[in-house]
Amino acid sequence: MTALWAAMAEGSGAIFDDALRATADKPAHGYWLNYARCHDDVIWKALDRSAAKLRQKTWTKFYAGGESFADGWPSR
C-alpha cells in the first residue's frame, strides 16, 4: 500500500514493481493475507530497503505541500 502511494507521488510504477518482486517469493507452505489500511497511516519506513530517506521526504512534501493531485488538507 505504501509503495502504491509512493508510485503515485513519483508518477512511476518502479517502486511498486520493486515491492511486488520482493514479495513474490512466498514459501510453498505460506499463504497470502489481504489487509485493508487507512491512507492516514502511510509509513514510508516500510520502503527503507527500496528508497532512500531523501526520496521518502520528497513523497511527504508532495502529499503535504500542496503539490499533489489531492484536494484534502494536510494534518497540522
N, C-alpha and C. Protein backbone atom coordinates (compact mmCIF):
# COMPACT_ATOMS: atom_id res chain seq x y z
N MET A 1 0.83 -1.17 0.00
CA MET A 1 0.00 0.00 0.00
C MET A 1 0.88 1.25 0.00
N THR A 2 1.92 1.25 0.81
CA THR A 2 2.82 2.40 0.85
C THR A 2 3.52 2.59 -0.48
N ALA A 3 3.92 1.51 -1.12
CA ALA A 3 4.57 1.60 -2.43
C ALA A 3 3.62 2.17 -3.48
N LEU A 4 2.35 1.89 -3.36
CA LEU A 4 1.38 2.44 -4.29
C LEU A 4 1.30 3.95 -4.15
N TRP A 5 1.27 4.45 -2.92
CA TRP A 5 1.25 5.90 -2.69
C TRP A 5 2.53 6.55 -3.21
N ALA A 6 3.67 5.88 -3.00
CA ALA A 6 4.95 6.40 -3.49
C ALA A 6 4.95 6.45 -5.02
N ALA A 7 4.43 5.41 -5.65
CA ALA A 7 4.38 5.37 -7.11
C ALA A 7 3.51 6.50 -7.65
N MET A 8 2.41 6.79 -7.00
CA MET A 8 1.56 7.89 -7.45
C MET A 8 2.27 9.23 -7.30
N ALA A 9 3.01 9.40 -6.20
CA ALA A 9 3.73 10.66 -5.98
C ALA A 9 4.80 10.88 -7.04
N GLU A 10 5.45 9.81 -7.47
CA GLU A 10 6.52 9.92 -8.46
C GLU A 10 6.00 9.87 -9.90
N GLY A 11 4.78 9.39 -10.07
CA GLY A 11 4.26 9.23 -11.42
C GLY A 11 4.96 8.09 -12.15
N SER A 12 5.45 7.12 -11.37
CA SER A 12 6.18 5.98 -11.93
C SER A 12 5.87 4.74 -11.09
N GLY A 13 5.74 3.62 -11.74
CA GLY A 13 5.45 2.38 -11.03
C GLY A 13 6.69 1.61 -10.59
N ALA A 14 7.87 2.18 -10.74
CA ALA A 14 9.11 1.46 -10.43
C ALA A 14 9.17 0.97 -8.98
N ILE A 15 8.84 1.82 -8.02
CA ILE A 15 8.91 1.43 -6.61
C ILE A 15 7.87 0.34 -6.32
N PHE A 16 6.73 0.40 -6.98
CA PHE A 16 5.69 -0.60 -6.81
C PHE A 16 6.16 -1.94 -7.40
N ASP A 17 6.80 -1.89 -8.55
CA ASP A 17 7.38 -3.11 -9.14
C ASP A 17 8.40 -3.75 -8.21
N ASP A 18 9.25 -2.91 -7.60
CA ASP A 18 10.25 -3.42 -6.64
C ASP A 18 9.57 -4.14 -5.48
N ALA A 19 8.51 -3.55 -4.96
CA ALA A 19 7.80 -4.15 -3.82
C ALA A 19 7.16 -5.47 -4.22
N LEU A 20 6.58 -5.53 -5.41
CA LEU A 20 5.97 -6.77 -5.88
C LEU A 20 7.02 -7.87 -6.05
N ARG A 21 8.17 -7.52 -6.60
CA ARG A 21 9.24 -8.52 -6.78
C ARG A 21 9.74 -9.03 -5.42
N ALA A 22 9.82 -8.15 -4.45
CA ALA A 22 10.33 -8.53 -3.13
C ALA A 22 9.37 -9.46 -2.39
N THR A 23 8.09 -9.37 -2.70
CA THR A 23 7.11 -10.20 -2.01
C THR A 23 6.67 -11.41 -2.83
N ALA A 24 7.18 -11.53 -4.03
CA ALA A 24 6.74 -12.61 -4.91
C ALA A 24 7.22 -14.00 -4.46
N ASP A 25 8.30 -14.07 -3.73
CA ASP A 25 8.84 -15.35 -3.31
C ASP A 25 8.20 -15.81 -2.00
N LYS A 26 7.05 -16.40 -2.12
CA LYS A 26 6.32 -16.92 -0.97
C LYS A 26 6.68 -18.39 -0.80
N PRO A 27 6.99 -18.83 0.41
CA PRO A 27 7.27 -20.25 0.62
C PRO A 27 6.08 -21.11 0.19
N ALA A 28 6.34 -22.31 -0.24
CA ALA A 28 5.26 -23.21 -0.70
C ALA A 28 4.21 -23.44 0.39
N HIS A 29 4.61 -23.42 1.65
CA HIS A 29 3.68 -23.65 2.74
C HIS A 29 3.03 -22.35 3.25
N GLY A 30 3.35 -21.20 2.60
CA GLY A 30 2.82 -19.92 3.03
C GLY A 30 1.49 -19.57 2.39
N TYR A 31 0.87 -18.52 2.88
CA TYR A 31 -0.41 -18.04 2.35
C TYR A 31 -0.35 -16.53 2.21
N TRP A 32 -1.17 -15.97 1.35
CA TRP A 32 -1.32 -14.53 1.22
C TRP A 32 -2.45 -14.07 2.13
N LEU A 33 -2.31 -12.88 2.69
CA LEU A 33 -3.33 -12.29 3.55
C LEU A 33 -3.64 -10.90 3.01
N ASN A 34 -4.89 -10.61 2.77
CA ASN A 34 -5.30 -9.27 2.35
C ASN A 34 -5.55 -8.45 3.61
N TYR A 35 -5.03 -7.24 3.61
CA TYR A 35 -5.13 -6.38 4.78
C TYR A 35 -5.47 -4.98 4.29
N ALA A 36 -6.60 -4.45 4.71
CA ALA A 36 -7.01 -3.10 4.31
C ALA A 36 -6.55 -2.10 5.36
N ARG A 37 -5.97 -1.00 4.88
CA ARG A 37 -5.48 0.03 5.79
C ARG A 37 -6.02 1.39 5.40
N CYS A 38 -5.95 2.30 6.30
CA CYS A 38 -6.36 3.67 6.05
C CYS A 38 -5.17 4.45 5.49
N HIS A 39 -5.42 5.34 4.55
CA HIS A 39 -4.33 6.11 3.97
C HIS A 39 -3.71 7.09 4.97
N ASP A 40 -4.35 7.29 6.10
CA ASP A 40 -3.82 8.21 7.11
C ASP A 40 -2.57 7.67 7.81
N ASP A 41 -2.27 6.41 7.63
CA ASP A 41 -1.10 5.85 8.31
C ASP A 41 -0.06 5.31 7.32
N VAL A 42 0.17 6.06 6.24
CA VAL A 42 1.20 5.67 5.28
C VAL A 42 2.54 5.74 6.01
N ILE A 43 3.28 4.66 5.96
CA ILE A 43 4.56 4.56 6.68
C ILE A 43 5.67 4.38 5.66
N TRP A 44 6.35 5.47 5.32
CA TRP A 44 7.43 5.39 4.32
C TRP A 44 8.53 4.45 4.78
N LYS A 45 8.74 4.32 6.07
CA LYS A 45 9.80 3.46 6.60
C LYS A 45 9.68 2.03 6.08
N ALA A 46 8.48 1.62 5.71
CA ALA A 46 8.28 0.28 5.17
C ALA A 46 9.05 0.08 3.87
N LEU A 47 9.45 1.19 3.24
CA LEU A 47 10.18 1.11 1.97
C LEU A 47 11.66 1.45 2.12
N ASP A 48 12.19 1.40 3.34
CA ASP A 48 13.60 1.74 3.59
C ASP A 48 14.57 0.95 2.71
N ARG A 49 14.27 -0.30 2.44
CA ARG A 49 15.19 -1.11 1.62
C ARG A 49 15.14 -0.72 0.15
N SER A 50 14.05 -0.11 -0.27
CA SER A 50 13.86 0.23 -1.68
C SER A 50 14.08 1.70 -2.00
N ALA A 51 13.98 2.57 -1.00
CA ALA A 51 14.04 4.00 -1.27
C ALA A 51 14.81 4.75 -0.19
N ALA A 52 15.69 5.63 -0.64
CA ALA A 52 16.49 6.45 0.28
C ALA A 52 15.60 7.44 1.03
N LYS A 53 16.08 7.89 2.18
CA LYS A 53 15.31 8.84 3.01
C LYS A 53 14.96 10.11 2.24
N LEU A 54 15.86 10.60 1.40
CA LEU A 54 15.58 11.81 0.63
C LEU A 54 14.40 11.59 -0.31
N ARG A 55 14.33 10.43 -0.90
CA ARG A 55 13.22 10.09 -1.78
C ARG A 55 11.91 10.06 -0.99
N GLN A 56 11.96 9.50 0.22
CA GLN A 56 10.78 9.44 1.07
C GLN A 56 10.34 10.84 1.49
N LYS A 57 11.28 11.73 1.76
CA LYS A 57 10.94 13.11 2.12
C LYS A 57 10.27 13.82 0.94
N THR A 58 10.70 13.49 -0.28
CA THR A 58 10.09 14.08 -1.47
C THR A 58 8.63 13.68 -1.57
N TRP A 59 8.32 12.42 -1.27
CA TRP A 59 6.93 11.96 -1.30
C TRP A 59 6.10 12.69 -0.26
N THR A 60 6.66 12.84 0.94
CA THR A 60 5.95 13.54 2.01
C THR A 60 5.64 14.97 1.59
N LYS A 61 6.64 15.62 1.02
CA LYS A 61 6.46 17.00 0.55
C LYS A 61 5.39 17.05 -0.54
N PHE A 62 5.38 16.07 -1.42
CA PHE A 62 4.39 16.02 -2.49
C PHE A 62 2.97 15.99 -1.92
N TYR A 63 2.74 15.13 -0.95
CA TYR A 63 1.39 14.99 -0.40
C TYR A 63 1.02 16.08 0.60
N ALA A 64 1.98 16.61 1.34
CA ALA A 64 1.67 17.60 2.37
C ALA A 64 1.87 19.04 1.90
N GLY A 65 2.62 19.22 0.83
CA GLY A 65 2.98 20.57 0.42
C GLY A 65 2.12 21.20 -0.64
N GLY A 66 1.00 20.58 -0.97
CA GLY A 66 0.12 21.18 -1.94
C GLY A 66 0.48 20.89 -3.39
N GLU A 67 1.50 20.08 -3.63
CA GLU A 67 1.90 19.74 -4.99
C GLU A 67 1.05 18.62 -5.58
N SER A 68 0.40 17.84 -4.73
CA SER A 68 -0.27 16.64 -5.20
C SER A 68 -1.59 16.94 -5.89
N PHE A 69 -2.17 15.90 -6.44
CA PHE A 69 -3.47 15.98 -7.08
C PHE A 69 -4.61 15.85 -6.07
N ALA A 70 -4.28 15.71 -4.79
CA ALA A 70 -5.28 15.55 -3.73
C ALA A 70 -5.94 16.90 -3.42
N ASP A 71 -7.19 16.84 -3.00
CA ASP A 71 -7.92 18.04 -2.64
C ASP A 71 -8.02 18.23 -1.12
N GLY A 72 -7.48 17.30 -0.36
CA GLY A 72 -7.60 17.35 1.09
C GLY A 72 -6.65 18.35 1.72
N TRP A 73 -6.81 18.52 3.02
CA TRP A 73 -5.95 19.42 3.80
C TRP A 73 -4.88 18.62 4.52
N PRO A 74 -3.64 19.09 4.57
CA PRO A 74 -2.62 18.38 5.35
C PRO A 74 -2.94 18.46 6.83
N SER A 75 -2.60 17.42 7.59
CA SER A 75 -2.84 17.46 9.03
C SER A 75 -1.89 18.45 9.67
N ARG A 76 -2.30 19.00 10.75
CA ARG A 76 -1.48 20.04 11.42
C ARG A 76 -0.89 19.50 12.69
